[in-house]
Amino acid sequence: MLVPVGQSGKVPKCWHVVQCLFLGWVAELEPLLHEVDAQQSLHGKGLLPVLAAVFRRRKRPVGSSWRMDETYILVGGKWKYPYRAVDRLGQTVDFLLTARRDEAAARRFFERAIGLHDLPEKITIDKSGANTAAVRGLVKVSGLHIDLRQSKYLNNIVEQDHRAIKRRVRPMMGFKSFWSARRIIAGIETMHMIGKGQMLSPSGQAASAAQQFYSLAF
């Protein structure tokens, strides 16, 4: 892995964040992020959310058939809920960590995803009443048709994709705060999408996943 060196001759701390994400050293991220964010205000948002926002502007389009599901992680000793969706090829549509699992949370996720990718033709979910109500609410507001399907089998692809994210957060044995969870998951999801080839490369030059992630800072 090519490691960048700053003008001072030292490796930038934001590169250490990239290394932790790339190598799965998630347990080291919380204290490191506090240090990096204290040194670099980044508009008060923190390093990883800013890089995730830059990635969203460079993200490749996804297919129009979405598979959506929510999973759970431990934050401050309580369960919190990452909502996620992929298209039929397994490309990540979007993600959103929420404090609750209900219609309002599902609706916020869909509005965020649609804001990035426009309305899909199809949405596949499990038999969750909250997710069903959220999709039907979107159809009613938009006035457009979305084919809603409820299928555990078709949703296997997003459930499998959850595992890649949970595998990286498992070493932490739970996040200390929602603040940390939101930022670290933003970094993990961004790295995961880069690993799946979802980042547009303006230069057209080949680069490692870690180097692509680091490039978001410039």
Protein backbone atom coordinates (compact mmCIF):
# COMPACT_ATOMS: atom_id res chain seq x y z
CA MET A 1 0.00 0.00 0.00
CA LEU A 2 1.46 3.35 -1.03
CA VAL A 3 1.48 5.59 2.05
CA PRO A 4 1.36 9.37 1.45
CA VAL A 5 3.70 11.64 3.37
CA GLY A 6 2.82 15.23 4.23
CA GLN A 7 5.05 18.30 3.90
CA SER A 8 6.31 17.74 7.45
CA GLY A 9 7.57 14.30 6.48
CA LYS A 10 4.95 12.60 8.66
CA VAL A 11 2.10 10.35 7.59
CA PRO A 12 -1.19 12.34 7.87
CA LYS A 13 -3.51 11.12 10.62
CA CYS A 14 -6.38 10.87 8.14
CA TRP A 15 -4.33 8.17 6.37
CA HIS A 16 -4.24 6.25 9.65
CA VAL A 17 -8.05 6.40 9.62
CA VAL A 18 -8.01 4.90 6.11
CA GLN A 19 -5.65 2.14 7.27
CA CYS A 20 -7.90 1.25 10.20
CA LEU A 21 -10.91 0.97 7.90
CA PHE A 22 -9.05 -0.93 5.21
CA LEU A 23 -7.43 -3.41 7.61
CA GLY A 24 -10.46 -3.83 9.84
CA TRP A 25 -8.92 -2.20 12.94
CA VAL A 26 -12.28 -0.71 13.83
CA ALA A 27 -11.66 -0.82 17.59
CA GLU A 28 -8.91 1.79 17.14
CA LEU A 29 -11.13 4.22 15.24
CA GLU A 30 -13.06 5.90 18.06
CA PRO A 31 -10.07 7.50 19.84
CA LEU A 32 -8.36 8.22 16.52
CA LEU A 33 -11.43 9.98 15.13
CA HIS A 34 -11.74 12.14 18.24
CA GLU A 35 -8.11 13.20 17.74
CA VAL A 36 -8.44 13.84 14.00
CA ASP A 37 -11.75 15.69 14.31
CA ALA A 38 -10.34 17.88 17.08
CA GLN A 39 -7.43 18.89 14.85
CA GLN A 40 -9.47 19.30 11.65
CA SER A 41 -12.82 20.96 12.23
CA LEU A 42 -14.04 20.07 8.71
CA HIS A 43 -17.04 22.39 9.09
CA GLY A 44 -17.88 20.78 12.44
CA LYS A 45 -18.97 17.52 10.83
CA GLY A 46 -15.98 15.28 11.45
CA LEU A 47 -13.63 13.58 8.99
CA LEU A 48 -15.53 10.47 7.92
CA PRO A 49 -18.94 12.11 7.29
CA VAL A 50 -17.24 14.72 5.11
CA LEU A 51 -15.41 12.07 3.08
CA ALA A 52 -18.65 10.09 2.79
CA ALA A 53 -20.40 13.21 1.47
CA VAL A 54 -17.66 13.70 -1.14
CA PHE A 55 -18.01 10.06 -2.16
CA ARG A 56 -21.76 10.51 -2.70
CA ARG A 57 -20.95 13.10 -5.38
CA ARG A 58 -18.60 10.62 -7.07
CA LYS A 59 -20.78 7.54 -6.68
CA ARG A 60 -21.78 5.51 -9.71
CA PRO A 61 -25.50 5.14 -10.52
CA VAL A 62 -27.25 2.00 -9.30
CA GLY A 63 -29.97 -0.16 -10.81
CA SER A 64 -33.68 0.62 -10.54
CA SER A 65 -34.59 -2.54 -8.61
CA TRP A 66 -33.77 -2.16 -4.91
CA ARG A 67 -33.58 -4.67 -2.07
CA MET A 68 -34.01 -2.92 1.28
CA ASP A 69 -33.65 -4.22 4.83
CA GLU A 70 -32.59 -3.03 8.27
CA THR A 71 -30.19 -4.72 10.67
CA TYR A 72 -29.04 -3.85 14.19
CA ILE A 73 -25.89 -2.86 16.07
CA LEU A 74 -25.17 -2.13 19.72
CA VAL A 75 -24.66 1.54 20.59
CA GLY A 76 -24.25 2.63 24.19
CA GLY A 77 -25.70 -0.67 25.36
CA LYS A 78 -28.87 -0.29 23.24
CA TRP A 79 -29.85 -1.60 19.81
CA LYS A 80 -29.76 0.90 16.94
CA TYR A 81 -30.72 0.25 13.35
CA PRO A 82 -28.72 0.66 10.12
CA TYR A 83 -31.14 0.78 7.17
CA ARG A 84 -29.50 -0.37 3.96
CA ALA A 85 -30.38 -1.18 0.36
CA VAL A 86 -28.62 -2.75 -2.61
CA ASP A 87 -29.68 -3.17 -6.22
CA ARG A 88 -30.18 -6.57 -7.84
CA LEU A 89 -26.46 -6.77 -8.63
CA GLY A 90 -25.47 -6.10 -5.02
CA GLN A 91 -24.36 -2.50 -5.50
CA THR A 92 -25.06 -0.39 -2.42
CA VAL A 93 -27.90 2.09 -2.93
CA ASP A 94 -27.61 3.90 0.41
CA PHE A 95 -27.43 3.49 4.18
CA LEU A 96 -28.76 5.31 7.23
CA LEU A 97 -28.24 4.66 10.95
CA THR A 98 -31.37 5.39 12.99
CA ALA A 99 -32.24 5.30 16.67
CA ARG A 100 -35.58 3.56 16.07
CA ARG A 101 -36.98 0.94 13.74
CA ASP A 102 -40.33 2.27 12.55
CA GLU A 103 -42.16 3.79 9.60
CA ALA A 104 -40.61 7.23 10.12
CA ALA A 105 -37.08 5.78 10.09
CA ALA A 106 -37.78 3.75 6.95
CA ARG A 107 -39.28 6.82 5.29
CA ARG A 108 -36.19 8.91 6.08
CA PHE A 109 -34.00 6.20 4.56
CA PHE A 110 -36.03 6.05 1.33
CA GLU A 111 -36.11 9.83 1.00
CA ARG A 112 -32.33 9.97 1.41
CA ALA A 113 -31.78 7.19 -1.14
CA ILE A 114 -34.22 8.68 -3.65
CA GLY A 115 -32.57 12.07 -3.24
CA LEU A 116 -29.35 10.46 -4.45
CA HIS A 117 -30.68 8.05 -7.09
CA ASP A 118 -34.25 9.12 -7.97
CA LEU A 119 -37.27 6.81 -7.70
CA PRO A 120 -36.65 3.10 -8.31
CA GLU A 121 -38.96 0.98 -10.43
CA LYS A 122 -39.08 -1.81 -7.84
CA ILE A 123 -38.49 -2.09 -4.10
CA THR A 124 -38.21 -5.50 -2.45
CA ILE A 125 -38.59 -5.73 1.33
CA ASP A 126 -39.45 -8.39 3.89
CA LYS A 127 -42.90 -8.44 5.49
CA SER A 128 -42.17 -5.52 7.84
CA GLY A 129 -45.30 -3.44 8.29
CA ALA A 130 -43.26 -0.29 8.93
CA ASN A 131 -41.27 -0.65 5.70
CA THR A 132 -44.43 -1.44 3.75
CA ALA A 133 -46.14 1.68 5.09
CA ALA A 134 -43.09 3.79 4.24
CA VAL A 135 -43.04 2.63 0.60
CA ARG A 136 -46.79 3.12 0.20
CA GLY A 137 -46.44 6.59 1.67
CA LEU A 138 -43.78 7.43 -0.92
CA VAL A 139 -46.04 6.21 -3.73
CA LYS A 140 -48.91 8.32 -2.43
CA VAL A 141 -46.80 11.48 -2.13
CA SER A 142 -44.98 11.09 -5.46
CA GLY A 143 -48.01 10.00 -7.44
CA LEU A 144 -45.73 7.60 -9.30
CA HIS A 145 -45.83 3.82 -9.44
CA ILE A 146 -43.28 1.75 -7.52
CA ASP A 147 -43.59 -2.02 -7.73
CA LEU A 148 -43.51 -3.17 -4.09
CA ARG A 149 -42.48 -6.79 -3.54
CA GLN A 150 -42.26 -8.69 -0.25
CA SER A 151 -39.85 -11.59 -0.57
CA LYS A 152 -37.42 -13.04 1.95
CA TYR A 153 -35.72 -14.98 -0.84
CA LEU A 154 -35.09 -11.96 -3.07
CA ASN A 155 -33.84 -10.00 -0.06
CA ASN A 156 -31.08 -12.52 0.65
CA ILE A 157 -28.68 -10.33 -1.33
CA VAL A 158 -29.00 -7.37 1.05
CA GLU A 159 -28.91 -9.63 4.11
CA GLN A 160 -25.65 -11.10 2.82
CA ASP A 161 -24.32 -7.58 2.28
CA HIS A 162 -25.13 -6.69 5.91
CA ARG A 163 -22.56 -9.28 6.95
CA ALA A 164 -19.68 -7.40 5.33
CA ILE A 165 -20.51 -4.34 7.42
CA LYS A 166 -21.19 -6.19 10.66
CA ARG A 167 -17.97 -8.17 10.28
CA ARG A 168 -16.05 -4.89 10.50
CA VAL A 169 -17.95 -3.49 13.48
CA ARG A 170 -18.02 -6.75 15.47
CA PRO A 171 -14.52 -6.27 17.01
CA MET A 172 -15.78 -3.16 18.81
CA MET A 173 -18.33 -5.15 20.83
CA GLY A 174 -20.68 -2.19 20.48
CA PHE A 175 -20.12 1.51 19.92
CA LYS A 176 -19.80 3.89 22.86
CA SER A 177 -21.99 6.60 21.36
CA PHE A 178 -24.33 7.30 18.45
CA TRP A 179 -21.85 10.02 17.39
CA SER A 180 -19.08 7.44 16.98
CA ALA A 181 -21.33 4.85 15.37
CA ARG A 182 -22.65 7.24 12.75
CA ARG A 183 -19.18 8.42 11.74
CA ILE A 184 -17.49 5.04 11.72
CA ILE A 185 -20.32 3.37 9.81
CA ALA A 186 -20.15 6.18 7.24
CA GLY A 187 -16.48 5.31 6.72
CA ILE A 188 -17.06 1.56 6.64
CA GLU A 189 -19.94 1.86 4.16
CA THR A 190 -17.92 4.21 1.95
CA MET A 191 -14.93 1.87 1.92
CA HIS A 192 -17.29 -1.06 1.24
CA MET A 193 -18.77 0.72 -1.80
CA ILE A 194 -15.32 1.66 -3.09
CA GLY A 195 -14.32 -1.98 -2.75
CA LYS A 196 -17.29 -2.91 -4.95
CA GLY A 197 -16.11 -0.47 -7.64
CA GLN A 198 -18.85 2.12 -7.03
CA MET A 199 -16.63 5.21 -7.14
CA LEU A 200 -16.18 7.13 -10.36
CA SER A 201 -12.54 7.78 -11.22
CA PRO A 202 -12.17 11.09 -13.09
CA SER A 203 -8.57 10.33 -14.03
CA GLY A 204 -9.37 6.83 -15.22
CA GLN A 205 -6.26 5.57 -13.45
CA ALA A 206 -6.29 2.38 -11.40
CA ALA A 207 -5.93 2.86 -7.64
CA SER A 208 -6.34 0.68 -4.58
CA ALA A 209 -9.47 0.95 -2.46
CA ALA A 210 -7.48 2.65 0.31
CA GLN A 211 -5.99 5.18 -2.13
CA GLN A 212 -9.42 5.95 -3.59
CA PHE A 213 -10.77 6.55 -0.08
CA TYR A 214 -7.83 8.81 0.77
CA SER A 215 -8.36 10.75 -2.49
CA LEU A 216 -11.74 11.92 -1.16
CA ALA A 217 -9.88 14.29 1.15
CA PHE A 218 -8.46 16.26 -1.79
